Amino acid sequence: MHFSLGMLFDPIFKGNKQLMMVFITTALVILLISCINFTNLFVSTSFFRAKAIGTKKAHGAQKFELACELHFETACYVIIAKKPAA
């Protein structure tokens, strides 16, 4: 698919550039809203996470263990968010 006029009897499909820009803009707005939603959920649980991290540090947890747990928790949020509704 391309947007130029080209030849008269060109077998390649011609795309509508304005419609494509509407789709791209819609996708970017949805992506922006989902990023804001994820950040909001992540920040709202940060107080509980800070308390848990302080407790784990007091019990001798290493930085690597805490970082792995943070990445695992974030991955769980993403997987749950991507799961389709039943």
PDB file of N, CA and C in Angstrom:
ATOM      1  N   MET A   1       0.846  -1.175   0.000  1.00  0.00           N
ATOM      2  CA  MET A   1       0.000   0.000   0.000  1.00  0.00           C
ATOM      3  C   MET A   1       0.889   1.234   0.000  1.00  0.00           C
ATOM      4  N   HIS A   2       0.508   2.195  -0.804  1.00  0.00           N
ATOM      5  CA  HIS A   2       1.232   3.464  -0.806  1.00  0.00           C
ATOM      6  C   HIS A   2       0.244   4.591  -1.011  1.00  0.00           C
ATOM      7  N   PHE A   3       0.699   5.815  -0.825  1.00  0.00           N
ATOM      8  CA  PHE A   3      -0.194   6.960  -0.857  1.00  0.00           C
ATOM      9  C   PHE A   3      -0.094   7.780  -2.142  1.00  0.00           C
ATOM     10  N   SER A   4       0.904   7.536  -2.979  1.00  0.00           N
ATOM     11  CA  SER A   4       1.055   8.334  -4.187  1.00  0.00           C
ATOM     12  C   SER A   4       0.053   7.883  -5.249  1.00  0.00           C
ATOM     13  N   LEU A   5      -0.192   8.756  -6.211  1.00  0.00           N
ATOM     14  CA  LEU A   5      -1.162   8.433  -7.253  1.00  0.00           C
ATOM     15  C   LEU A   5      -0.625   7.409  -8.231  1.00  0.00           C
ATOM     16  N   GLY A   6       0.649   7.504  -8.588  1.00  0.00           N
ATOM     17  CA  GLY A   6       1.270   6.521  -9.480  1.00  0.00           C
ATOM     18  C   GLY A   6       0.612   6.483 -10.840  1.00  0.00           C
ATOM     19  N   MET A   7       0.618   5.312 -11.442  1.00  0.00           N
ATOM     20  CA  MET A   7       0.057   5.127 -12.774  1.00  0.00           C
ATOM     21  C   MET A   7      -1.452   4.889 -12.666  1.00  0.00           C
ATOM     22  N   LEU A   8      -2.117   5.028 -13.768  1.00  0.00           N
ATOM     23  CA  LEU A   8      -3.563   4.922 -13.793  1.00  0.00           C
ATOM     24  C   LEU A   8      -4.051   3.506 -13.493  1.00  0.00           C
ATOM     25  N   PHE A   9      -3.418   2.501 -14.095  1.00  0.00           N
ATOM     26  CA  PHE A   9      -3.859   1.112 -13.924  1.00  0.00           C
ATOM     27  C   PHE A   9      -2.878   0.313 -13.065  1.00  0.00           C
ATOM     28  N   ASP A  10      -2.370   0.955 -12.030  1.00  0.00           N
ATOM     29  CA  ASP A  10      -1.419   0.306 -11.128  1.00  0.00           C
ATOM     30  C   ASP A  10      -2.178  -0.696 -10.249  1.00  0.00           C
ATOM     31  N   PRO A  11      -1.742  -1.978 -10.189  1.00  0.00           N
ATOM     32  CA  PRO A  11      -2.481  -2.976  -9.411  1.00  0.00           C
ATOM     33  C   PRO A  11      -2.290  -2.850  -7.900  1.00  0.00           C
ATOM     34  N   ILE A  12      -1.413  -1.974  -7.463  1.00  0.00           N
ATOM     35  CA  ILE A  12      -1.160  -1.829  -6.034  1.00  0.00           C
ATOM     36  C   ILE A  12      -2.248  -0.949  -5.425  1.00  0.00           C
ATOM     37  N   PHE A  13      -2.723  -1.342  -4.241  1.00  0.00           N
ATOM     38  CA  PHE A  13      -3.773  -0.592  -3.568  1.00  0.00           C
ATOM     39  C   PHE A  13      -3.272   0.775  -3.124  1.00  0.00           C
ATOM     40  N   LYS A  14      -4.111   1.751  -3.273  1.00  0.00           N
ATOM     41  CA  LYS A  14      -3.779   3.108  -2.835  1.00  0.00           C
ATOM     42  C   LYS A  14      -4.410   3.333  -1.468  1.00  0.00           C
ATOM     43  N   GLY A  15      -3.647   3.910  -0.538  1.00  0.00           N
ATOM     44  CA  GLY A  15      -4.144   4.153   0.807  1.00  0.00           C
ATOM     45  C   GLY A  15      -4.662   5.567   0.968  1.00  0.00           C
ATOM     46  N   ASN A  16      -5.529   5.742   1.931  1.00  0.00           N
ATOM     47  CA  ASN A  16      -6.046   7.062   2.269  1.00  0.00           C
ATOM     48  C   ASN A  16      -5.181   7.617   3.392  1.00  0.00           C
ATOM     49  N   LYS A  17      -4.391   8.628   3.077  1.00  0.00           N
ATOM     50  CA  LYS A  17      -3.437   9.165   4.044  1.00  0.00           C
ATOM     51  C   LYS A  17      -4.137   9.800   5.245  1.00  0.00           C
ATOM     52  N   GLN A  18      -5.247  10.476   5.026  1.00  0.00           N
ATOM     53  CA  GLN A  18      -5.955  11.116   6.131  1.00  0.00           C
ATOM     54  C   GLN A  18      -6.523  10.077   7.087  1.00  0.00           C
ATOM     55  N   LEU A  19      -7.086   9.003   6.555  1.00  0.00           N
ATOM     56  CA  LEU A  19      -7.632   7.951   7.402  1.00  0.00           C
ATOM     57  C   LEU A  19      -6.516   7.261   8.198  1.00  0.00           C
ATOM     58  N   MET A  20      -5.374   7.074   7.561  1.00  0.00           N
ATOM     59  CA  MET A  20      -4.234   6.463   8.247  1.00  0.00           C
ATOM     60  C   MET A  20      -3.752   7.354   9.395  1.00  0.00           C
ATOM     61  N   MET A  21      -3.751   8.657   9.189  1.00  0.00           N
ATOM     62  CA  MET A  21      -3.339   9.574  10.250  1.00  0.00           C
ATOM     63  C   MET A  21      -4.345   9.558  11.405  1.00  0.00           C
ATOM     64  N   VAL A  22      -5.629   9.396  11.108  1.00  0.00           N
ATOM     65  CA  VAL A  22      -6.638   9.291  12.168  1.00  0.00           C
ATOM     66  C   VAL A  22      -6.388   8.028  12.988  1.00  0.00           C
ATOM     67  N   PHE A  23      -6.107   6.903  12.325  1.00  0.00           N
ATOM     68  CA  PHE A  23      -5.823   5.653  13.032  1.00  0.00           C
ATOM     69  C   PHE A  23      -4.570   5.762  13.895  1.00  0.00           C
ATOM     70  N   ILE A  24      -3.525   6.373  13.364  1.00  0.00           N
ATOM     71  CA  ILE A  24      -2.277   6.532  14.117  1.00  0.00           C
ATOM     72  C   ILE A  24      -2.496   7.439  15.327  1.00  0.00           C
ATOM     73  N   THR A  25      -3.233   8.532  15.133  1.00  0.00           N
ATOM     74  CA  THR A  25      -3.513   9.445  16.241  1.00  0.00           C
ATOM     75  C   THR A  25      -4.337   8.756  17.324  1.00  0.00           C
ATOM     76  N   THR A  26      -5.333   7.977  16.906  1.00  0.00           N
ATOM     77  CA  THR A  26      -6.151   7.237  17.869  1.00  0.00           C
ATOM     78  C   THR A  26      -5.307   6.247  18.650  1.00  0.00           C
ATOM     79  N   ALA A  27      -4.429   5.537  17.967  1.00  0.00           N
ATOM     80  CA  ALA A  27      -3.557   4.568  18.637  1.00  0.00           C
ATOM     81  C   ALA A  27      -2.630   5.262  19.637  1.00  0.00           C
ATOM     82  N   LEU A  28      -2.099   6.416  19.273  1.00  0.00           N
ATOM     83  CA  LEU A  28      -1.206   7.140  20.183  1.00  0.00           C
ATOM     84  C   LEU A  28      -1.955   7.666  21.401  1.00  0.00           C
ATOM     85  N   VAL A  29      -3.194   8.106  21.214  1.00  0.00           N
ATOM     86  CA  VAL A  29      -3.989   8.585  22.349  1.00  0.00           C
ATOM     87  C   VAL A  29      -4.294   7.425  23.297  1.00  0.00           C
ATOM     88  N   ILE A  30      -4.659   6.272  22.748  1.00  0.00           N
ATOM     89  CA  ILE A  30      -4.926   5.099  23.583  1.00  0.00           C
ATOM     90  C   ILE A  30      -3.664   4.678  24.326  1.00  0.00           C
ATOM     91  N   LEU A  31      -2.524   4.708  23.652  1.00  0.00           N
ATOM     92  CA  LEU A  31      -1.258   4.367  24.299  1.00  0.00           C
ATOM     93  C   LEU A  31      -0.924   5.353  25.413  1.00  0.00           C
ATOM     94  N   LEU A  32      -1.160   6.629  25.187  1.00  0.00           N
ATOM     95  CA  LEU A  32      -0.900   7.644  26.215  1.00  0.00           C
ATOM     96  C   LEU A  32      -1.801   7.438  27.431  1.00  0.00           C
ATOM     97  N   ILE A  33      -3.083   7.164  27.199  1.00  0.00           N
ATOM     98  CA  ILE A  33      -4.009   6.929  28.308  1.00  0.00           C
ATOM     99  C   ILE A  33      -3.607   5.692  29.096  1.00  0.00           C
ATOM    100  N   SER A  34      -3.191   4.629  28.403  1.00  0.00           N
ATOM    101  CA  SER A  34      -2.786   3.416  29.111  1.00  0.00           C
ATOM    102  C   SER A  34      -1.503   3.629  29.905  1.00  0.00           C
ATOM    103  N   CYS A  35      -0.583   4.439  29.387  1.00  0.00           N
ATOM    104  CA  CYS A  35       0.642   4.744  30.143  1.00  0.00           C
ATOM    105  C   CYS A  35       0.320   5.549  31.399  1.00  0.00           C
ATOM    106  N   ILE A  36      -0.582   6.499  31.276  1.00  0.00           N
ATOM    107  CA  ILE A  36      -0.984   7.282  32.443  1.00  0.00           C
ATOM    108  C   ILE A  36      -1.675   6.388  33.467  1.00  0.00           C
ATOM    109  N   ASN A  37      -2.527   5.485  32.999  1.00  0.00           N
ATOM    110  CA  ASN A  37      -3.225   4.563  33.896  1.00  0.00           C
ATOM    111  C   ASN A  37      -2.228   3.653  34.617  1.00  0.00           C
ATOM    112  N   PHE A  38      -1.256   3.111  33.883  1.00  0.00           N
ATOM    113  CA  PHE A  38      -0.246   2.242  34.496  1.00  0.00           C
ATOM    114  C   PHE A  38       0.558   3.012  35.538  1.00  0.00           C
ATOM    115  N   THR A  39       0.956   4.240  35.214  1.00  0.00           N
ATOM    116  CA  THR A  39       1.724   5.046  36.153  1.00  0.00           C
ATOM    117  C   THR A  39       0.912   5.336  37.408  1.00  0.00           C
ATOM    118  N   ASN A  40      -0.364   5.630  37.234  1.00  0.00           N
ATOM    119  CA  ASN A  40      -1.231   5.898  38.372  1.00  0.00           C
ATOM    120  C   ASN A  40      -1.339   4.669  39.273  1.00  0.00           C
ATOM    121  N   LEU A  41      -1.545   3.499  38.690  1.00  0.00           N
ATOM    122  CA  LEU A  41      -1.635   2.275  39.487  1.00  0.00           C
ATOM    123  C   LEU A  41      -0.310   1.962  40.182  1.00  0.00           C
ATOM    124  N   PHE A  42       0.775   2.202  39.484  1.00  0.00           N
ATOM    125  CA  PHE A  42       2.091   1.907  40.034  1.00  0.00           C
ATOM    126  C   PHE A  42       2.416   2.831  41.202  1.00  0.00           C
ATOM    127  N   VAL A  43       2.090   4.115  41.064  1.00  0.00           N
ATOM    128  CA  VAL A  43       2.369   5.078  42.129  1.00  0.00           C
ATOM    129  C   VAL A  43       1.453   4.839  43.323  1.00  0.00           C
ATOM    130  N   SER A  44       0.208   4.449  43.065  1.00  0.00           N
ATOM    131  CA  SER A  44      -0.725   4.249  44.171  1.00  0.00           C
ATOM    132  C   SER A  44      -0.318   3.071  45.060  1.00  0.00           C
ATOM    133  N   THR A  45       0.394   2.103  44.514  1.00  0.00           N
ATOM    134  CA  THR A  45       0.859   0.973  45.325  1.00  0.00           C
ATOM    135  C   THR A  45       2.286   1.168  45.830  1.00  0.00           C
ATOM    136  N   SER A  46       2.894   2.320  45.509  1.00  0.00           N
ATOM    137  CA  SER A  46       4.294   2.517  45.897  1.00  0.00           C
ATOM    138  C   SER A  46       4.478   2.629  47.406  1.00  0.00           C
ATOM    139  N   PHE A  47       3.473   3.136  48.117  1.00  0.00           N
ATOM    140  CA  PHE A  47       3.595   3.252  49.572  1.00  0.00           C
ATOM    141  C   PHE A  47       3.644   1.874  50.228  1.00  0.00           C
ATOM    142  N   PHE A  48       2.808   0.955  49.731  1.00  0.00           N
ATOM    143  CA  PHE A  48       2.848  -0.411  50.251  1.00  0.00           C
ATOM    144  C   PHE A  48       4.164  -1.092  49.884  1.00  0.00           C
ATOM    145  N   ARG A  49       4.632  -0.816  48.660  1.00  0.00           N
ATOM    146  CA  ARG A  49       5.886  -1.415  48.190  1.00  0.00           C
ATOM    147  C   ARG A  49       7.066  -0.891  49.010  1.00  0.00           C
ATOM    148  N   ALA A  50       7.059   0.396  49.358  1.00  0.00           N
ATOM    149  CA  ALA A  50       8.149   0.975  50.141  1.00  0.00           C
ATOM    150  C   ALA A  50       8.221   0.329  51.518  1.00  0.00           C
ATOM    151  N   LYS A  51       7.087   0.070  52.111  1.00  0.00           N
ATOM    152  CA  LYS A  51       7.055  -0.586  53.421  1.00  0.00           C
ATOM    153  C   LYS A  51       7.608  -2.012  53.311  1.00  0.00           C
ATOM    154  N   ALA A  52       7.211  -2.731  52.255  1.00  0.00           N
ATOM    155  CA  ALA A  52       7.692  -4.100  52.066  1.00  0.00           C
ATOM    156  C   ALA A  52       9.193  -4.125  51.781  1.00  0.00           C
ATOM    157  N   ILE A  53       9.677  -3.153  50.999  1.00  0.00           N
ATOM    158  CA  ILE A  53      11.104  -3.101  50.689  1.00  0.00           C
ATOM    159  C   ILE A  53      11.900  -2.801  51.950  1.00  0.00           C
ATOM    160  N   GLY A  54      11.407  -1.896  52.784  1.00  0.00           N
ATOM    161  CA  GLY A  54      12.090  -1.594  54.048  1.00  0.00           C
ATOM    162  C   GLY A  54      12.182  -2.815  54.944  1.00  0.00           C
ATOM    163  N   THR A  55      11.115  -3.593  54.992  1.00  0.00           N
ATOM    164  CA  THR A  55      11.116  -4.813  55.799  1.00  0.00           C
ATOM    165  C   THR A  55      12.117  -5.825  55.241  1.00  0.00           C
ATOM    166  N   LYS A  56      12.141  -5.969  53.919  1.00  0.00           N
ATOM    167  CA  LYS A  56      13.065  -6.932  53.301  1.00  0.00           C
ATOM    168  C   LYS A  56      14.518  -6.499  53.484  1.00  0.00           C
ATOM    169  N   LYS A  57      14.780  -5.197  53.412  1.00  0.00           N
ATOM    170  CA  LYS A  57      16.140  -4.705  53.651  1.00  0.00           C
ATOM    171  C   LYS A  57      16.566  -4.984  55.088  1.00  0.00           C
ATOM    172  N   ALA A  58      15.635  -4.830  56.006  1.00  0.00           N
ATOM    173  CA  ALA A  58      15.947  -5.091  57.405  1.00  0.00           C
ATOM    174  C   ALA A  58      16.266  -6.561  57.640  1.00  0.00           C
ATOM    175  N   HIS A  59      15.705  -7.423  56.810  1.00  0.00           N
ATOM    176  CA  HIS A  59      15.976  -8.856  56.926  1.00  0.00           C
ATOM    177  C   HIS A  59      17.161  -9.298  56.074  1.00  0.00           C
ATOM    178  N   GLY A  60      17.827  -8.345  55.411  1.00  0.00           N
ATOM    179  CA  GLY A  60      19.068  -8.660  54.701  1.00  0.00           C
ATOM    180  C   GLY A  60      18.940  -8.923  53.215  1.00  0.00           C
ATOM    181  N   ALA A  61      17.914  -8.435  52.572  1.00  0.00           N
ATOM    182  CA  ALA A  61      17.763  -8.643  51.125  1.00  0.00           C
ATOM    183  C   ALA A  61      18.802  -7.811  50.369  1.00  0.00           C
ATOM    184  N   GLN A  62      19.262  -8.352  49.254  1.00  0.00           N
ATOM    185  CA  GLN A  62      20.242  -7.672  48.416  1.00  0.00           C
ATOM    186  C   GLN A  62      19.529  -6.813  47.372  1.00  0.00           C
ATOM    187  N   LYS A  63      20.284  -5.863  46.758  1.00  0.00           N
ATOM    188  CA  LYS A  63      19.714  -4.991  45.737  1.00  0.00           C
ATOM    189  C   LYS A  63      19.191  -5.793  44.547  1.00  0.00           C
ATOM    190  N   PHE A  64      19.933  -6.829  44.162  1.00  0.00           N
ATOM    191  CA  PHE A  64      19.540  -7.643  43.014  1.00  0.00           C
ATOM    192  C   PHE A  64      18.193  -8.325  43.264  1.00  0.00           C
ATOM    193  N   GLU A  65      18.001  -8.841  44.463  1.00  0.00           N
ATOM    194  CA  GLU A  65      16.732  -9.500  44.800  1.00  0.00           C
ATOM    195  C   GLU A  65      15.577  -8.513  44.751  1.00  0.00           C
ATOM    196  N   LEU A  66      15.803  -7.317  45.272  1.00  0.00           N
ATOM    197  CA  LEU A  66      14.753  -6.301  45.259  1.00  0.00           C
ATOM    198  C   LEU A  66      14.434  -5.857  43.833  1.00  0.00           C
ATOM    199  N   ALA A  67      15.467  -5.707  43.001  1.00  0.00           N
ATOM    200  CA  ALA A  67      15.250  -5.307  41.607  1.00  0.00           C
ATOM    201  C   ALA A  67      14.492  -6.391  40.849  1.00  0.00           C
ATOM    202  N   CYS A  68      14.845  -7.661  41.082  1.00  0.00           N
ATOM    203  CA  CYS A  68      14.145  -8.767  40.418  1.00  0.00           C
ATOM    204  C   CYS A  68      12.680  -8.789  40.824  1.00  0.00           C
ATOM    205  N   GLU A  69      12.419  -8.557  42.094  1.00  0.00           N
ATOM    206  CA  GLU A  69      11.034  -8.544  42.564  1.00  0.00           C
ATOM    207  C   GLU A  69      10.251  -7.396  41.927  1.00  0.00           C
ATOM    208  N   LEU A  70      10.879  -6.235  41.807  1.00  0.00           N
ATOM    209  CA  LEU A  70      10.217  -5.093  41.185  1.00  0.00           C
ATOM    210  C   LEU A  70       9.881  -5.388  39.725  1.00  0.00           C
ATOM    211  N   HIS A  71      10.823  -5.978  38.994  1.00  0.00           N
ATOM    212  CA  HIS A  71      10.579  -6.324  37.589  1.00  0.00           C
ATOM    213  C   HIS A  71       9.501  -7.395  37.460  1.00  0.00           C
ATOM    214  N   PHE A  72       9.508  -8.358  38.359  1.00  0.00           N
ATOM    215  CA  PHE A  72       8.500  -9.416  38.333  1.00  0.00           C
ATOM    216  C   PHE A  72       7.109  -8.834  38.606  1.00  0.00           C
ATOM    217  N   GLU A  73       7.024  -7.940  39.571  1.00  0.00           N
ATOM    218  CA  GLU A  73       5.743  -7.311  39.904  1.00  0.00           C
ATOM    219  C   GLU A  73       5.224  -6.481  38.733  1.00  0.00           C
ATOM    220  N   THR A  74       6.112  -5.746  38.076  1.00  0.00           N
ATOM    221  CA  THR A  74       5.727  -4.955  36.912  1.00  0.00           C
ATOM    222  C   THR A  74       5.259  -5.860  35.783  1.00  0.00           C
ATOM    223  N   ALA A  75       5.957  -6.965  35.567  1.00  0.00           N
ATOM    224  CA  ALA A  75       5.550  -7.913  34.525  1.00  0.00           C
ATOM    225  C   ALA A  75       4.175  -8.497  34.831  1.00  0.00           C
ATOM    226  N   CYS A  76       3.899  -8.767  36.085  1.00  0.00           N
ATOM    227  CA  CYS A  76       2.573  -9.276  36.468  1.00  0.00           C
ATOM    228  C   CYS A  76       1.493  -8.235  36.179  1.00  0.00           C
ATOM    229  N   TYR A  77       1.763  -6.964  36.480  1.00  0.00           N
ATOM    230  CA  TYR A  77       0.802  -5.904  36.164  1.00  0.00           C
ATOM    231  C   TYR A  77       0.512  -5.875  34.666  1.00  0.00           C
ATOM    232  N   VAL A  78       1.555  -5.967  33.858  1.00  0.00           N
ATOM    233  CA  VAL A  78       1.391  -5.903  32.409  1.00  0.00           C
ATOM    234  C   VAL A  78       0.616  -7.106  31.897  1.00  0.00           C
ATOM    235  N   ILE A  79       0.929  -8.290  32.409  1.00  0.00           N
ATOM    236  CA  ILE A  79       0.220  -9.502  31.963  1.00  0.00           C
ATOM    237  C   ILE A  79      -1.242  -9.444  32.350  1.00  0.00           C
ATOM    238  N   ILE A  80      -1.541  -8.997  33.548  1.00  0.00           N
ATOM    239  CA  ILE A  80      -2.929  -8.881  33.976  1.00  0.00           C
ATOM    240  C   ILE A  80      -3.663  -7.828  33.154  1.00  0.00           C
ATOM    241  N   ALA A  81      -2.976  -6.736  32.848  1.00  0.00           N
ATOM    242  CA  ALA A  81      -3.609  -5.672  32.055  1.00  0.00           C
ATOM    243  C   ALA A  81      -3.893  -6.141  30.631  1.00  0.00           C
ATOM    244  N   LYS A  82      -3.068  -7.027  30.079  1.00  0.00           N
ATOM    245  CA  LYS A  82      -3.264  -7.500  28.719  1.00  0.00           C
ATOM    246  C   LYS A  82      -4.282  -8.635  28.631  1.00  0.00           C
ATOM    247  N   LYS A  83      -4.606  -9.233  29.766  1.00  0.00           N
ATOM    248  CA  LYS A  83      -5.529 -10.367  29.761  1.00  0.00           C
ATOM    249  C   LYS A  83      -6.918  -9.894  29.327  1.00  0.00           C
ATOM    250  N   PRO A  84      -7.513 -10.557  28.320  1.00  0.00           N
ATOM    251  CA  PRO A  84      -8.843 -10.117  27.862  1.00  0.00           C
ATOM    252  C   PRO A  84      -9.917 -10.440  28.910  1.00  0.00           C
ATOM    253  N   ALA A  85     -10.919  -9.603  28.942  1.00  0.00           N
ATOM    254  CA  ALA A  85     -12.026  -9.791  29.889  1.00  0.00           C
ATOM    255  C   ALA A  85     -12.864 -10.990  29.463  1.00  0.00           C
ATOM    256  N   ALA A  86     -13.387 -11.718  30.451  1.00  0.00           N
ATOM    257  CA  ALA A  86     -14.178 -12.906  30.148  1.00  0.00           C
ATOM    258  C   ALA A  86     -15.607 -12.583  29.830  1.00  0.00           C
TER     259      ALA A  86
END
